[in-house]
Protein backbone atom coordinates (compact mmCIF):
# COMPACT_ATOMS: atom_id res chain seq x y z
CA MET A 1 168.01 236.43 104.95
CA LYS A 2 171.49 236.72 103.65
CA PHE A 3 174.50 237.44 105.27
CA PRO A 4 177.35 239.48 103.61
CA SER A 5 180.16 238.57 101.35
CA LEU A 6 183.34 237.17 103.07
CA ILE A 7 185.68 239.28 104.33
CA ALA A 8 189.79 239.35 103.86
CA ALA A 9 191.90 240.20 106.41
CA GLY A 10 195.78 238.80 105.64
CA VAL A 11 195.22 234.55 105.25
CA LEU A 12 192.12 235.06 106.86
CA SER A 13 188.33 235.49 105.38
CA ALA A 14 185.93 234.84 107.07
CA LEU A 15 181.39 234.21 106.19
CA ILE A 16 179.22 236.38 109.88
CA ILE A 17 176.17 234.81 110.53
CA SER A 18 175.50 238.58 110.92
CA CYS A 19 173.40 241.67 109.23
CA ASN A 20 173.92 244.48 111.67
CA TYR A 21 177.42 243.61 113.82
CA SER A 22 179.40 246.65 114.02
CA SER A 23 183.32 246.01 112.80
CA GLU A 24 184.41 246.45 116.64
CA ASN A 25 181.72 243.03 116.77
CA LYS A 26 182.85 241.34 114.42
CA LYS A 27 185.90 239.06 116.33
CA ALA A 28 183.21 237.68 118.51
CA GLU A 29 180.36 236.90 116.55
CA LEU A 30 183.03 234.37 114.51
CA MET A 31 183.35 232.52 117.07
CA LYS A 32 180.07 232.29 117.59
CA ALA A 33 178.89 231.15 114.04
CA GLY A 34 180.64 231.71 111.08
CA ILE A 35 183.86 229.91 109.36
CA SER A 36 186.35 231.02 108.13
CA LYS A 37 190.14 230.42 106.33
CA ILE A 38 192.98 230.18 106.46
CA ASP A 39 196.19 229.49 103.85
CA TRP A 40 197.64 225.92 105.03
CA GLY A 41 200.43 225.33 102.63
CA LYS A 42 200.13 223.80 99.21
CA VAL A 43 200.48 220.09 97.69
CA ASP A 44 200.94 218.86 94.40
CA GLY A 45 201.37 222.79 93.11
CA LYS A 46 197.18 224.04 94.52
CA GLU A 47 196.76 225.86 97.24
CA VAL A 48 195.49 224.34 100.07
CA TYR A 49 193.60 225.63 103.19
CA LEU A 50 192.20 224.90 106.87
CA PHE A 51 187.56 225.96 107.50
CA THR A 52 186.82 226.33 110.31
CA LEU A 53 183.21 226.20 111.41
CA VAL A 54 181.79 227.32 114.02
CA ASN A 55 177.33 227.21 115.44
CA ASN A 56 175.70 229.32 117.92
CA LYS A 57 176.61 226.71 120.56
CA GLY A 58 180.29 227.40 120.15
CA THR A 59 180.62 223.50 118.38
CA GLU A 60 183.91 224.50 116.49
CA VAL A 61 184.81 221.66 113.66
CA LYS A 62 188.03 222.34 110.42
CA ILE A 63 188.09 221.08 107.62
CA SER A 64 190.46 221.27 105.37
CA ASN A 65 190.36 221.00 101.18
CA TYR A 66 193.16 219.09 100.36
CA GLY A 67 191.58 215.51 101.44
CA GLY A 68 188.87 216.13 102.40
CA THR A 69 190.24 216.02 105.56
CA VAL A 70 188.20 216.98 109.49
CA THR A 71 190.67 217.92 111.15
CA SER A 72 189.48 219.45 114.56
CA PHE A 73 185.56 218.52 116.07
CA ILE A 74 185.10 220.67 119.62
CA THR A 75 182.26 220.51 122.11
CA PRO A 76 181.37 220.80 124.83
CA ASP A 77 180.77 217.44 127.88
CA LYS A 78 178.26 216.78 130.44
CA ASN A 79 180.02 220.04 132.54
CA ASP A 80 180.14 221.94 129.28
CA LYS A 81 183.90 221.86 128.75
CA LYS A 82 184.77 222.22 125.18
CA SER A 83 187.77 219.28 124.15
CA GLU A 84 189.09 217.70 121.46
CA ILE A 85 186.14 214.48 120.44
CA ILE A 86 188.46 213.55 117.46
CA ILE A 87 191.50 212.21 116.29
CA GLY A 88 193.58 215.04 113.86
CA PHE A 89 196.51 217.68 113.41
CA ASP A 90 197.38 221.77 113.79
CA SER A 91 199.79 221.11 109.77
CA LEU A 92 199.33 219.90 107.01
CA ASN A 93 203.09 218.02 107.07
CA GLN A 94 201.99 215.85 109.42
CA TYR A 95 198.80 215.08 107.15
CA LEU A 96 201.54 214.57 103.90
CA GLN A 97 202.45 212.06 106.27
CA LYS A 98 199.76 209.52 105.28
CA PRO A 99 198.29 208.60 108.52
CA PRO A 100 195.88 205.75 108.61
CA TYR A 101 192.89 208.75 106.83
CA PHE A 102 192.55 210.62 109.86
CA GLY A 103 189.46 211.98 109.25
CA ALA A 104 189.45 211.84 105.92
CA LEU A 105 187.14 212.04 102.66
CA ILE A 106 187.32 208.21 101.00
CA GLY A 107 187.04 207.47 97.22
CA ARG A 108 186.72 207.10 94.47
CA TYR A 109 185.11 203.39 96.54
CA GLY A 110 185.40 203.32 100.11
CA ASN A 111 186.62 200.44 102.10
CA ARG A 112 188.64 197.35 99.92
CA ILE A 113 187.95 195.32 96.41
CA ALA A 114 189.32 191.83 96.26
CA ASN A 115 192.29 191.78 94.21
CA ALA A 116 192.54 195.08 93.82
CA LYS A 117 190.54 194.48 90.76
CA PHE A 118 186.02 193.59 89.07
CA THR A 119 184.31 193.23 85.66
CA LEU A 120 182.21 195.83 84.53
CA ASP A 121 180.13 195.12 80.94
CA GLY A 122 182.05 192.50 80.35
CA THR A 123 185.78 194.67 80.99
CA THR A 124 188.24 194.19 83.65
CA TYR A 125 189.93 196.21 85.27
CA HIS A 126 192.38 196.16 87.38
CA LEU A 127 192.40 198.99 90.19
CA ALA A 128 196.23 199.68 92.80
CA ALA A 129 197.39 197.20 94.92
CA ASN A 130 197.53 199.18 98.61
CA ASP A 131 196.32 196.77 101.31
CA GLY A 132 198.46 193.44 100.88
CA LYS A 133 196.76 192.27 97.07
CA ASN A 134 193.66 193.41 97.50
CA THR A 135 192.39 198.08 97.17
CA LEU A 136 191.60 200.16 100.43
CA HIS A 137 190.28 202.99 100.58
CA GLY A 138 190.00 203.79 96.30
CA GLY A 139 194.37 203.31 95.98
CA LEU A 140 197.98 204.53 95.93
CA LYS A 141 196.23 208.81 95.58
CA GLY A 142 192.62 207.71 96.54
CA PHE A 143 190.18 210.93 97.51
CA ASP A 144 192.33 211.51 100.73
CA LYS A 145 194.94 213.12 98.84
CA VAL A 146 193.53 215.30 96.34
CA VAL A 147 193.76 218.73 96.62
CA TRP A 148 189.63 219.93 96.66
CA ASP A 149 188.13 223.40 95.41
CA ALA A 150 186.31 224.16 98.18
CA THR A 151 183.62 227.47 98.04
CA ILE A 152 181.52 228.05 100.64
CA PRO A 153 178.14 228.66 100.44
CA ASN A 154 175.98 232.89 101.04
CA ASP A 155 174.11 230.45 103.77
CA SER A 156 172.24 231.38 106.79
CA VAL A 157 175.12 227.95 108.20
CA PRO A 158 178.82 227.21 108.09
CA SER A 159 178.87 225.16 105.38
CA LEU A 160 180.96 224.04 102.58
CA THR A 161 181.66 223.05 99.83
CA LEU A 162 183.87 221.12 98.00
CA LYS A 163 184.58 219.77 94.31
CA TYR A 164 186.90 217.34 92.56
CA LEU A 165 187.24 215.71 88.91
CA SER A 166 188.10 212.65 88.98
CA LYS A 167 189.45 211.55 85.31
CA ASP A 168 188.80 209.20 83.84
CA GLY A 169 191.55 205.82 84.40
CA GLU A 170 192.98 207.42 86.90
CA GLU A 171 193.83 204.98 89.96
CA GLY A 172 192.58 202.37 87.24
CA PHE A 173 188.95 203.21 87.30
CA PRO A 174 187.14 203.94 84.56
CA GLY A 175 184.12 207.30 83.51
CA ASN A 176 185.38 210.96 85.10
CA LEU A 177 183.29 211.51 87.77
CA ASP A 178 182.64 214.73 88.81
CA VAL A 179 182.00 214.65 93.10
CA THR A 180 180.46 217.59 95.36
CA VAL A 181 180.48 217.29 98.88
CA GLN A 182 179.14 219.54 101.29
CA TYR A 183 179.96 220.36 105.19
CA THR A 184 177.48 222.41 107.00
CA LEU A 185 177.34 222.60 111.18
CA THR A 186 173.53 223.04 112.88
CA ASP A 187 173.25 225.07 115.59
CA GLN A 188 172.04 221.38 116.50
CA ASN A 189 174.76 219.57 117.07
CA GLU A 190 175.24 218.17 113.38
CA LEU A 191 177.76 217.19 111.43
CA LYS A 192 175.90 217.08 107.63
CA ILE A 193 177.99 215.45 104.84
CA GLU A 194 175.66 215.28 102.03
CA TYR A 195 177.65 214.04 98.66
CA ASN A 196 176.67 214.20 95.21
CA ALA A 197 178.68 212.78 91.78
CA GLU A 198 177.96 212.16 88.32
CA THR A 199 179.86 209.56 85.82
CA ASP A 200 179.60 209.66 81.68
CA LYS A 201 181.26 206.31 82.25
CA ALA A 202 180.36 202.77 84.66
CA THR A 203 181.73 203.11 87.52
CA PRO A 204 181.65 201.55 91.49
CA VAL A 205 181.62 204.76 94.28
CA ASN A 206 180.51 204.25 97.08
CA LEU A 207 182.08 207.38 99.72
CA THR A 208 182.21 208.09 103.09
CA ASN A 209 184.13 209.86 105.63
CA HIS A 210 186.77 208.28 107.55
CA THR A 211 187.33 210.27 111.16
CA TYR A 212 188.12 208.80 114.28
CA PHE A 213 186.16 209.11 117.09
CA ASN A 214 186.68 209.30 121.47
CA LEU A 215 184.59 211.25 122.52
CA SER A 216 185.66 211.90 126.06
CA GLY A 217 188.13 213.56 124.62
CA ASP A 218 191.43 212.33 125.96
CA VAL A 219 193.33 209.58 123.69
CA ASN A 220 194.67 208.00 127.43
CA ASN A 221 191.00 206.94 127.50
CA THR A 222 190.28 203.86 125.15
CA ILE A 223 187.10 203.60 123.59
CA LEU A 224 186.31 199.82 125.26
CA ASP A 225 184.05 201.84 128.28
CA GLU A 226 182.48 203.42 125.29
CA SER A 227 178.49 202.45 124.81
CA LEU A 228 177.55 201.62 120.89
CA MET A 229 174.07 200.56 119.63
CA ILE A 230 174.02 199.84 115.93
CA ASP A 231 170.94 199.23 114.32
CA ALA A 232 171.55 196.04 112.45
CA ASP A 233 170.46 192.66 112.36
CA ARG A 234 172.90 191.28 110.44
CA TYR A 235 176.74 191.40 109.68
CA THR A 236 179.24 190.49 106.78
CA PRO A 237 181.50 188.42 107.72
CA VAL A 238 185.19 188.73 106.08
CA ASP A 239 187.77 186.09 105.50
CA SER A 240 191.52 186.98 106.66
CA SER A 241 191.98 189.53 104.39
CA LEU A 242 189.46 191.24 105.56
CA ILE A 243 187.25 190.93 102.44
CA PRO A 244 183.50 189.64 102.79
CA THR A 245 182.64 186.17 101.82
CA GLY A 246 179.40 187.17 100.51
CA LYS A 247 177.87 185.59 102.65
CA ILE A 248 175.20 187.83 105.20
CA THR A 249 174.90 186.40 108.91
CA PRO A 250 172.98 186.61 111.19
CA VAL A 251 174.38 188.76 114.68
CA LYS A 252 172.55 187.86 117.52
CA GLY A 253 173.90 185.38 119.76
CA THR A 254 177.70 186.46 118.52
CA PRO A 255 180.14 189.25 119.59
CA TYR A 256 178.80 190.98 116.97
CA ASP A 257 175.15 191.48 118.21
CA PHE A 258 175.20 195.77 118.43
CA THR A 259 171.00 195.68 118.22
CA SER A 260 171.12 197.03 122.18
CA PRO A 261 174.08 199.09 123.83
CA LYS A 262 176.95 197.30 124.96
CA LYS A 263 180.18 198.64 126.16
CA ILE A 264 182.75 197.91 122.86
CA GLY A 265 185.11 196.56 125.28
CA LYS A 266 182.56 193.27 126.17
CA ASP A 267 183.31 190.84 123.71
CA ILE A 268 186.06 192.46 121.63
CA ASN A 269 187.96 189.66 122.76
CA GLU A 270 186.18 186.75 121.33
CA VAL A 271 186.85 189.19 117.85
CA LYS A 272 190.51 188.53 116.09
CA GLY A 273 192.22 191.62 116.33
CA GLY A 274 189.67 193.43 116.61
CA TYR A 275 186.60 194.27 114.29
CA ASP A 276 186.28 196.10 111.19
CA PHE A 277 183.28 195.33 110.16
CA ASN A 278 180.08 196.28 107.76
CA TRP A 279 177.15 195.94 109.64
CA VAL A 280 173.72 195.35 106.99
CA LEU A 281 172.04 199.03 107.95
CA ASN A 282 168.21 197.34 108.98
CA ARG A 283 166.23 199.79 107.04
CA LYS A 284 163.21 199.76 104.15
CA ASP A 285 164.53 202.06 102.00
CA SER A 286 166.92 204.32 101.65
CA SER A 287 165.84 207.41 103.65
CA LEU A 288 167.67 209.29 106.77
CA GLN A 289 167.44 207.02 109.69
CA LYS A 290 169.55 206.88 112.84
CA VAL A 291 172.23 203.53 112.84
CA ALA A 292 173.97 203.79 115.43
CA VAL A 293 174.57 205.34 119.03
CA LEU A 294 177.72 205.91 120.71
CA SER A 295 178.02 207.15 124.62
CA ASP A 296 180.32 208.01 126.30
CA PRO A 297 180.46 207.11 130.42
CA ILE A 298 183.59 210.31 130.96
CA SER A 299 182.48 213.23 128.98
CA GLY A 300 178.69 212.49 128.90
CA ARG A 301 178.43 212.88 125.28
CA THR A 302 176.75 211.19 123.06
CA LEU A 303 177.03 210.64 119.13
CA GLU A 304 174.15 209.64 116.84
CA VAL A 305 174.67 208.86 113.88
CA TYR A 306 171.66 208.94 110.89
CA THR A 307 172.35 208.32 107.17
CA THR A 308 171.04 207.06 103.94
CA GLN A 309 173.71 203.96 103.60
CA PRO A 310 172.69 201.15 103.69
CA GLY A 311 176.45 200.01 106.02
CA LEU A 312 178.00 200.70 108.47
CA GLN A 313 181.21 200.16 109.02
CA PHE A 314 182.57 200.18 112.70
CA TYR A 315 186.29 199.89 113.57
CA THR A 316 188.14 200.19 116.86
CA GLY A 317 191.52 201.69 115.49
CA ASN A 318 193.16 198.14 115.83
CA PHE A 319 196.52 198.91 113.54
CA LEU A 320 197.01 202.02 115.45
CA ASP A 321 200.11 201.61 117.47
CA GLY A 322 201.52 204.93 118.68
CA LYS A 323 203.64 205.59 116.15
CA PHE A 324 201.65 208.68 115.13
CA VAL A 325 201.18 211.90 117.55
CA ASN A 326 197.97 214.00 118.76
CA ARG A 327 198.01 217.56 118.83
CA ASP A 328 198.23 217.49 122.72
CA GLY A 329 201.14 215.28 122.72
CA LYS A 330 199.68 212.31 123.85
CA PRO A 331 200.43 209.24 121.11
CA ILE A 332 197.84 207.07 119.56
CA LYS A 333 197.86 203.70 120.19
CA GLN A 334 195.32 200.94 119.62
CA HIS A 335 191.46 200.81 120.78
CA THR A 336 192.35 204.61 121.20
CA ALA A 337 190.03 206.61 118.65
CA LEU A 338 187.03 204.62 116.47
CA CYS A 339 185.46 204.63 113.06
CA LEU A 340 181.38 204.58 112.27
CA GLU A 341 181.72 204.79 109.03
CA THR A 342 178.40 204.62 106.33
CA GLN A 343 179.05 203.09 103.74
CA HIS A 344 178.07 200.09 100.87
CA PHE A 345 179.50 197.15 101.45
CA PRO A 346 183.12 196.05 100.73
CA ASP A 347 184.11 194.47 97.32
CA SER A 348 180.47 195.24 96.02
CA PRO A 349 181.35 194.88 92.30
CA ASN A 350 182.62 191.46 92.56
CA GLU A 351 179.88 190.23 94.63
CA PRO A 352 176.77 190.35 92.65
CA GLY A 353 174.82 189.61 96.09
CA PHE A 354 174.63 193.09 97.39
CA PRO A 355 173.64 196.44 96.74
CA SER A 356 174.80 197.39 93.49
CA THR A 357 177.52 200.55 93.76
CA ILE A 358 178.09 200.97 90.25
CA LEU A 359 176.71 204.82 88.49
CA ARG A 360 176.02 204.85 85.12
CA PRO A 361 176.01 207.99 82.33
CA GLY A 362 172.76 210.01 83.60
CA GLU A 363 172.50 208.70 86.73
CA LYS A 364 172.73 210.72 89.73
CA TYR A 365 174.80 208.98 92.99
CA HIS A 366 174.63 210.67 96.01
CA SER A 367 173.85 209.89 99.69
CA LEU A 368 173.46 212.16 103.46
CA THR A 369 175.14 211.51 107.14
CA VAL A 370 174.99 213.08 109.97
CA TYR A 371 177.32 212.62 112.68
CA LYS A 372 175.00 214.57 115.68
CA ILE A 373 176.37 214.98 119.18
CA VAL A 374 174.28 214.88 122.29
CA LYS A 375 174.23 214.87 126.02
């Protein structure tokens, strides 16, 4: 079934997932299922928009083409009360203050690259050192700080496609990298994020999303009482600057063991600074599989994470210090939100023993991650 094209009304344009509704019913139908768009400002002379995706269950996700940022994720709790489950802001200006990657699309290389350099095919490439002596999340102006080209597919589910051409030499990386990312909100309360990329020169690529979750719906509650399972028997230890040592270490008998669900706060005091590590996911191939389950006792919400990626960065918001205030006026403090970033391993370009992140001309980068809310 095909659906109507976008309906313009001032700054609002919407794809209504409907065929035979009269005009007086269209507004109500939009709140049921569809996608809307409002003007949100300008960055680098380019138009920035905020898109709202709504499914037939009333779950709502907002995404901006500035940084591919997921700004809002509203779902019902066990009592069917809807509330915000991620950290986000209502205005573009707040994101321009450079918060710590709230909801951002991360690239060209998610996570860290040691000493802001790597050698590929005999050439050493120097990157921006924006995390001490290392490169973090793509450099000074990664994919989280650019304006993406946005289109709305003529599809039967709320979906948004973002495209960006990262030019050869951008932030020190080689090759013109053509990136497409599609967000889809299903009626199963799944936020699907599909990444595709091609290059004209060999380059490392590691794309991810940096959404911060608090399933309780209130940042007054820490995430320490939330229960987490990660399907990983091993993890990659790091040095004092959070760069992997190159070892892949079993989690059994350590605070890093989440192979069975346990409260995040149970062993966190045994981990200096809190959790901010890459888990080596148990997998035999690159098919989509469930890799993590997060549950909140207050709201009754559960988040299931599915991915095709080999790694998962679990981060407990260790550096959140109350500097930024959420849309409800509450300060975002340490351990009030967490990230589950599906990825390749940190510093892979400098670690030949890790799965390769090098994309070459003629190859296609593809990964899929699904965040599913169940209750």
